[in-house]
Amino acid sequence: MKIHAALLLVTVAGAARADQNDDRPPEPKVEGAGSSAMLERIAAIVDDTVLLESEVASRALPLMGDAANTTDEHAKAQAWRTAFRKALDQMVEEQLIIEAATEAKLEVNEDEVQKALDSVKSQNKLTDQQLEAALAQQGTSVAQYKKEIRRQILRLRAINVLVRPRVSVSDGDLRSKYEKLSGQSAVVTEIHLRHILLALPERPQPGDIDAARRSAGEIVARARGGEDFQALAKQLSQDAASKGSGGDLGWYKRGELPTEWEEILFAMEPGEVRGPVHGPRGLHVFQVVENKKESVRPFNEVKDQLRDQLYQEETEKQTKIWLQELRKKAHVEIKI
């Protein structure tokens, strides 16, 4: 199985100590005379497995991105809550997948783990000693890192073995996709995006969503009325990472955005503004700054590319359905 180093590097970043972030949920001290021990809070229970708050916090820290360095304490706290919840959801899903893999008697041997570790070292030009020092600086060890690599490989194997048999792309699907594209004089291959984020609480109430929708509608109306989108983003966006640059998100190719976003954004023309678009952090208003197009090539030249694209989309869809099924069968209790 091919393991991407980028996937494995997430675990290196995720091993950073949670106490590097002042906005992490507090760890209560154990009651008792003279005791300096810390009582670990439980973040969630998945069947017989306990996920600790400190583990989730370690995973959440790299998800903060540039928001971790912002001086806007409100935005920083909001970004931390969002990152923590996202990390917790990821860890619950991963545990469900690991349990499904174990039940299916899927295994990962030591040679596979070592090859993946060697790949990480090679791509990052690290010796054994340098890797060990880097991991130690981030509060973990090579043994712990190898354990996480094993889990990542097992997760990918579970999806390959248990989900991909559900995925099929027919010649009719390819033809339908191609005919849809060939109805255009050219197809958009890349887009340059700006956005304005209207953040929502972890558990938004209907009133929160309605208020955000109204705000998004007002922003869209102002932008379409001629106001500068960059200025609106600097003034109104709650995304600390992109606010200062006028909401600039850079360039995206097809397949690099969530499927539901791609269908909307790649259909927009340069300068067009749309919203609200739902996302994991809240509601977004998007502007396509510019795009790149290429003429539609003959079917035989693009069918393999189309097959890969449709296969990826269907795999994502079937993985979500499978995870919902696993969650219904499991005992999942979120404690914080």
Protein backbone atom coordinates (compact mmCIF):
# COMPACT_ATOMS: atom_id res chain seq x y z
CA MET A 1 0.00 0.00 0.00
CA LYS A 2 1.29 3.44 -0.90
CA ILE A 3 1.44 5.73 2.11
CA HIS A 4 1.68 9.46 1.53
CA ALA A 5 4.27 11.19 3.68
CA ALA A 6 1.99 14.21 4.02
CA LEU A 7 -0.55 12.07 5.83
CA LEU A 8 2.07 10.76 8.20
CA LEU A 9 3.49 14.20 8.85
CA VAL A 10 0.15 15.21 10.31
CA THR A 11 0.90 12.87 13.17
CA VAL A 12 4.26 14.56 13.81
CA ALA A 13 2.61 17.96 14.02
CA GLY A 14 -0.26 16.50 16.02
CA ALA A 15 2.14 15.27 18.67
CA ALA A 16 2.89 18.83 19.80
CA ARG A 17 2.11 19.44 23.44
CA ALA A 18 -1.28 20.94 24.13
CA ASP A 19 0.15 23.19 26.83
CA GLN A 20 1.70 25.34 24.12
CA ASN A 21 -1.75 26.88 23.61
CA ASP A 22 -3.26 29.05 26.29
CA ASP A 23 -6.80 28.50 25.00
CA ARG A 24 -6.88 24.74 25.57
CA PRO A 25 -9.56 23.44 27.94
CA PRO A 26 -8.17 23.29 31.50
CA GLU A 27 -7.04 20.10 33.21
CA PRO A 28 -8.38 19.96 36.79
CA LYS A 29 -6.13 19.01 39.66
CA VAL A 30 -6.87 15.95 41.74
CA GLU A 31 -8.26 16.91 45.11
CA GLY A 32 -6.01 15.94 47.99
CA ALA A 33 -3.49 17.39 50.43
CA GLY A 34 -0.20 18.15 48.76
CA SER A 35 -1.14 16.32 45.56
CA SER A 36 0.27 17.79 42.34
CA ALA A 37 -1.07 15.01 40.13
CA MET A 38 -3.37 15.87 37.28
CA LEU A 39 -6.68 14.15 36.66
CA GLU A 40 -7.13 13.51 32.93
CA ARG A 41 -10.51 14.61 31.63
CA ILE A 42 -12.29 12.23 29.28
CA ALA A 43 -13.25 13.79 25.96
CA ALA A 44 -15.20 10.84 24.55
CA ILE A 45 -15.84 7.13 24.91
CA VAL A 46 -16.02 4.93 21.81
CA ASP A 47 -17.19 1.46 22.83
CA ASP A 48 -14.40 0.34 25.21
CA THR A 49 -11.89 3.02 24.20
CA VAL A 50 -11.41 6.27 26.11
CA LEU A 51 -10.23 9.40 24.29
CA LEU A 52 -8.51 11.80 26.67
CA GLU A 53 -8.80 15.57 26.46
CA SER A 54 -5.02 15.94 26.27
CA GLU A 55 -4.90 13.60 23.26
CA VAL A 56 -7.56 15.63 21.48
CA ALA A 57 -5.80 18.89 22.35
CA SER A 58 -2.56 17.57 20.84
CA ARG A 59 -4.38 16.72 17.62
CA ALA A 60 -6.20 20.07 17.58
CA LEU A 61 -3.14 22.30 17.92
CA PRO A 62 -1.87 22.02 14.30
CA LEU A 63 -5.43 22.52 13.02
CA MET A 64 -5.28 26.09 14.35
CA GLY A 65 -2.94 27.15 11.54
CA ASP A 66 -2.08 30.84 11.52
CA ALA A 67 -4.93 31.55 13.96
CA ALA A 68 -2.68 30.26 16.76
CA ASN A 69 -0.53 33.39 16.37
CA THR A 70 -3.27 36.00 16.14
CA THR A 71 -3.49 38.74 18.76
CA ASP A 72 -7.30 38.74 18.52
CA GLU A 73 -8.12 36.71 21.63
CA HIS A 74 -11.78 36.24 20.70
CA ALA A 75 -10.88 34.93 17.24
CA LYS A 76 -8.16 32.77 18.74
CA ALA A 77 -10.56 31.22 21.27
CA GLN A 78 -13.15 30.61 18.55
CA ALA A 79 -10.52 28.98 16.32
CA TRP A 80 -9.40 26.78 19.22
CA ARG A 81 -12.95 25.59 19.95
CA THR A 82 -13.47 24.80 16.28
CA ALA A 83 -10.14 22.97 15.99
CA PHE A 84 -10.78 20.99 19.18
CA ARG A 85 -14.22 19.86 18.00
CA LYS A 86 -12.86 18.94 14.56
CA ALA A 87 -10.02 16.95 16.12
CA LEU A 88 -12.43 15.13 18.42
CA ASP A 89 -14.70 14.19 15.50
CA GLN A 90 -11.67 12.93 13.56
CA MET A 91 -10.49 10.81 16.47
CA VAL A 92 -13.92 9.28 17.04
CA GLU A 93 -14.16 8.37 13.36
CA GLU A 94 -10.62 6.94 13.36
CA GLN A 95 -11.40 4.77 16.38
CA LEU A 96 -14.54 3.44 14.68
CA ILE A 97 -12.47 2.59 11.60
CA ILE A 98 -9.78 0.87 13.69
CA GLU A 99 -12.45 -1.23 15.40
CA ALA A 100 -13.94 -2.20 12.04
CA ALA A 101 -10.47 -3.13 10.76
CA THR A 102 -9.80 -5.24 13.85
CA GLU A 103 -13.14 -7.01 13.45
CA ALA A 104 -12.26 -7.73 9.81
CA LYS A 105 -8.89 -9.13 11.00
CA LEU A 106 -6.87 -6.63 9.00
CA GLU A 107 -3.27 -6.27 10.15
CA VAL A 108 -0.20 -4.13 9.59
CA ASN A 109 3.22 -5.72 9.95
CA GLU A 110 6.41 -4.12 11.27
CA ASP A 111 8.02 -3.94 7.81
CA GLU A 112 5.18 -1.74 6.52
CA VAL A 113 5.52 0.61 9.48
CA GLN A 114 9.29 0.85 9.02
CA LYS A 115 8.97 1.55 5.28
CA ALA A 116 6.50 4.36 6.00
CA LEU A 117 8.82 5.79 8.66
CA ASP A 118 11.78 5.61 6.26
CA SER A 119 9.70 7.46 3.66
CA VAL A 120 9.00 10.28 6.13
CA LYS A 121 12.70 10.54 7.01
CA SER A 122 13.72 10.53 3.35
CA GLN A 123 11.24 13.19 2.23
CA ASN A 124 12.16 15.44 5.15
CA LYS A 125 15.91 14.68 4.92
CA LEU A 126 16.12 13.53 8.54
CA THR A 127 18.52 11.09 10.15
CA ASP A 128 17.32 8.74 12.90
CA GLN A 129 18.82 11.06 15.49
CA GLN A 130 17.21 14.18 13.96
CA LEU A 131 13.80 12.53 13.83
CA GLU A 132 14.12 11.38 17.42
CA ALA A 133 15.13 14.89 18.54
CA ALA A 134 12.26 16.51 16.61
CA LEU A 135 9.72 14.13 18.13
CA ALA A 136 11.17 14.60 21.62
CA GLN A 137 10.89 18.37 21.24
CA GLN A 138 7.20 17.89 20.44
CA GLY A 139 6.61 15.67 23.45
CA THR A 140 6.57 12.23 21.87
CA SER A 141 8.90 9.39 20.93
CA VAL A 142 9.76 7.27 17.92
CA ALA A 143 7.89 4.34 19.46
CA GLN A 144 4.74 6.44 19.91
CA TYR A 145 5.09 7.84 16.40
CA LYS A 146 5.40 4.34 14.93
CA LYS A 147 2.27 3.34 16.80
CA GLU A 148 0.41 6.24 15.17
CA ILE A 149 1.81 5.33 11.74
CA ARG A 150 0.49 1.79 12.23
CA ARG A 151 -2.96 3.19 13.00
CA GLN A 152 -2.88 5.39 9.90
CA ILE A 153 -1.90 2.50 7.64
CA LEU A 154 -4.60 0.32 9.20
CA ARG A 155 -7.15 3.08 8.65
CA LEU A 156 -6.27 3.34 4.94
CA ARG A 157 -6.34 -0.43 4.60
CA ALA A 158 -9.79 -0.59 6.17
CA ILE A 159 -11.12 1.92 3.65
CA ASN A 160 -9.45 0.03 0.79
CA VAL A 161 -10.86 -3.33 1.87
CA LEU A 162 -14.20 -2.42 3.45
CA VAL A 163 -15.35 0.67 1.52
CA ARG A 164 -13.92 0.50 -1.98
CA PRO A 165 -15.87 -2.65 -2.94
CA ARG A 166 -18.95 -0.42 -2.62
CA VAL A 167 -17.55 2.04 -5.17
CA SER A 168 -18.19 1.64 -8.88
CA VAL A 169 -17.89 4.01 -11.83
CA SER A 170 -19.55 2.84 -15.02
CA ASP A 171 -18.85 3.83 -18.61
CA GLY A 172 -22.25 5.51 -18.53
CA ASP A 173 -21.12 7.65 -15.58
CA LEU A 174 -18.02 8.68 -17.53
CA ARG A 175 -20.05 9.55 -20.62
CA SER A 176 -22.54 11.55 -18.59
CA LYS A 177 -19.75 13.52 -16.91
CA TYR A 178 -18.01 14.15 -20.21
CA GLU A 179 -21.17 15.30 -21.96
CA LYS A 180 -21.80 17.74 -19.15
CA LEU A 181 -18.29 19.16 -19.58
CA SER A 182 -18.37 19.14 -23.39
CA GLY A 183 -21.45 21.33 -23.32
CA GLN A 184 -19.07 24.12 -22.30
CA SER A 185 -16.59 25.77 -24.64
CA ALA A 186 -13.92 25.35 -21.96
CA VAL A 187 -13.71 23.77 -18.53
CA VAL A 188 -12.47 25.54 -15.40
CA THR A 189 -9.42 23.74 -14.00
CA GLU A 190 -8.29 26.15 -11.22
CA ILE A 191 -9.85 28.99 -9.25
CA HIS A 192 -8.43 31.78 -7.10
CA LEU A 193 -10.68 32.32 -4.07
CA ARG A 194 -11.42 34.91 -1.41
CA HIS A 195 -13.88 34.34 1.41
CA ILE A 196 -15.56 35.91 4.42
CA LEU A 197 -16.23 33.56 7.33
CA LEU A 198 -19.15 34.05 9.69
CA ALA A 199 -18.21 31.68 12.50
CA LEU A 200 -20.81 29.66 14.38
CA PRO A 201 -20.60 28.16 17.91
CA GLU A 202 -19.78 24.47 18.31
CA ARG A 203 -23.46 23.70 18.84
CA PRO A 204 -25.30 26.51 17.04
CA GLN A 205 -28.91 27.25 17.88
CA PRO A 206 -31.42 28.08 15.12
CA GLY A 207 -31.14 31.74 16.06
CA ASP A 208 -27.36 31.68 15.56
CA ILE A 209 -27.73 30.22 12.08
CA ASP A 210 -30.49 32.65 11.11
CA ALA A 211 -28.42 35.63 12.24
CA ALA A 212 -25.38 34.39 10.30
CA ARG A 213 -27.51 33.86 7.20
CA ARG A 214 -28.85 37.40 7.41
CA SER A 215 -25.33 38.78 7.82
CA ALA A 216 -24.14 36.71 4.84
CA GLY A 217 -27.01 37.98 2.72
CA GLU A 218 -26.14 41.57 3.59
CA ILE A 219 -22.48 40.99 2.71
CA VAL A 220 -23.40 39.44 -0.65
CA ALA A 221 -25.69 42.39 -1.40
CA ARG A 222 -22.96 44.92 -0.51
CA ALA A 223 -20.35 43.13 -2.62
CA ARG A 224 -22.69 42.82 -5.59
CA GLY A 225 -23.58 46.48 -5.10
CA GLY A 226 -19.98 47.47 -5.78
CA GLU A 227 -18.21 47.44 -2.39
CA ASP A 228 -14.69 46.05 -2.42
CA PHE A 229 -14.69 42.40 -1.30
CA GLN A 230 -11.20 42.63 0.22
CA ALA A 231 -12.25 45.58 2.37
CA LEU A 232 -15.39 43.74 3.48
CA ALA A 233 -13.30 40.69 4.41
CA LYS A 234 -10.85 42.76 6.46
CA GLN A 235 -13.75 44.36 8.28
CA LEU A 236 -16.19 41.47 8.73
CA SER A 237 -14.50 38.08 8.32
CA GLN A 238 -13.98 35.97 11.46
CA ASP A 239 -11.23 33.87 9.88
CA ALA A 240 -8.10 35.12 11.61
CA ALA A 241 -5.83 33.32 9.14
CA SER A 242 -7.09 35.13 6.01
CA LYS A 243 -8.75 38.29 7.34
CA GLY A 244 -5.62 40.42 7.10
CA SER A 245 -5.13 39.53 3.42
CA GLY A 246 -8.69 40.41 2.50
CA GLY A 247 -9.93 36.82 2.74
CA ASP A 248 -7.42 35.50 0.18
CA LEU A 249 -7.36 31.68 0.11
CA GLY A 250 -5.13 31.24 -2.95
CA TRP A 251 -5.56 28.86 -5.89
CA TYR A 252 -7.39 25.51 -5.87
CA LYS A 253 -7.49 22.77 -8.48
CA ARG A 254 -10.37 20.39 -8.99
CA GLY A 255 -10.39 17.72 -6.30
CA GLU A 256 -8.76 19.95 -3.67
CA LEU A 257 -12.02 21.30 -2.22
CA PRO A 258 -14.94 19.46 -0.61
CA THR A 259 -17.18 18.07 -3.34
CA GLU A 260 -20.18 20.15 -2.29
CA TRP A 261 -18.07 23.33 -2.45
CA GLU A 262 -16.44 22.44 -5.77
CA GLU A 263 -19.79 22.16 -7.56
CA ILE A 264 -20.66 25.71 -6.52
CA LEU A 265 -17.32 27.47 -6.76
CA PHE A 266 -16.09 26.05 -10.06
CA ALA A 267 -19.35 27.15 -11.66
CA MET A 268 -18.76 30.80 -10.67
CA GLU A 269 -17.34 33.44 -12.98
CA PRO A 270 -14.43 35.74 -12.03
CA GLY A 271 -15.66 38.53 -9.79
CA GLU A 272 -18.83 36.67 -8.86
CA VAL A 273 -19.86 36.53 -5.19
CA ARG A 274 -22.04 33.80 -3.64
CA GLY A 275 -23.18 32.85 -0.18
CA PRO A 276 -23.90 31.68 2.34
CA VAL A 277 -22.11 28.36 1.79
CA HIS A 278 -22.07 26.02 4.80
CA GLY A 279 -18.76 24.75 6.16
CA PRO A 280 -17.43 23.07 9.33
CA ARG A 281 -16.51 26.43 10.90
CA GLY A 282 -19.62 28.38 9.97
CA LEU A 283 -21.07 30.14 6.93
CA HIS A 284 -18.91 31.46 4.09
CA VAL A 285 -19.32 34.12 1.45
CA PHE A 286 -17.03 33.37 -1.51
CA GLN A 287 -15.64 35.42 -4.36
CA VAL A 288 -13.86 33.90 -7.35
CA VAL A 289 -11.05 36.33 -8.14
CA GLU A 290 -9.96 34.64 -11.37
CA ASN A 291 -9.90 31.21 -12.95
CA LYS A 292 -7.96 29.09 -15.41
CA LYS A 293 -9.68 27.20 -18.22
CA GLU A 294 -8.69 24.68 -20.81
CA SER A 295 -10.54 23.43 -23.86
CA VAL A 296 -12.40 20.17 -23.49
CA ARG A 297 -10.28 17.41 -25.00
CA PRO A 298 -11.64 14.31 -26.80
CA PHE A 299 -13.27 11.69 -24.57
CA ASN A 300 -10.55 9.07 -25.08
CA GLU A 301 -7.92 11.53 -23.86
CA VAL A 302 -9.70 12.44 -20.63
CA LYS A 303 -11.65 9.31 -19.67
CA ASP A 304 -8.95 8.02 -17.30
CA GLN A 305 -8.79 11.41 -15.57
CA LEU A 306 -12.59 11.52 -15.35
CA ARG A 307 -12.67 7.99 -13.96
CA ASP A 308 -10.18 8.94 -11.21
CA GLN A 309 -12.20 12.05 -10.35
CA LEU A 310 -15.53 10.21 -10.20
CA TYR A 311 -13.96 7.34 -8.27
CA GLN A 312 -12.58 9.75 -5.67
CA GLU A 313 -15.95 11.49 -5.32
CA GLU A 314 -17.81 8.20 -4.92
CA THR A 315 -15.24 6.89 -2.42
CA GLU A 316 -15.73 10.01 -0.27
CA LYS A 317 -19.49 9.55 -0.45
CA GLN A 318 -19.40 5.86 0.44
CA THR A 319 -16.90 6.46 3.27
CA LYS A 320 -19.28 8.97 4.86
CA ILE A 321 -22.17 6.51 4.58
CA TRP A 322 -20.03 3.71 6.05
CA LEU A 323 -18.94 5.88 8.98
CA GLN A 324 -22.56 6.76 9.71
CA GLU A 325 -23.36 3.04 9.78
CA LEU A 326 -20.44 2.33 12.14
CA ARG A 327 -21.48 5.14 14.44
CA LYS A 328 -25.06 3.87 14.67
CA LYS A 329 -23.82 0.43 15.75
CA ALA A 330 -21.24 1.72 18.23
CA HIS A 331 -21.54 3.27 21.68
CA VAL A 332 -20.21 6.81 21.24
CA GLU A 333 -20.43 9.21 24.16
CA ILE A 334 -19.06 12.74 23.90
CA LYS A 335 -18.16 13.95 27.40
CA ILE A 336 -17.08 17.57 26.77
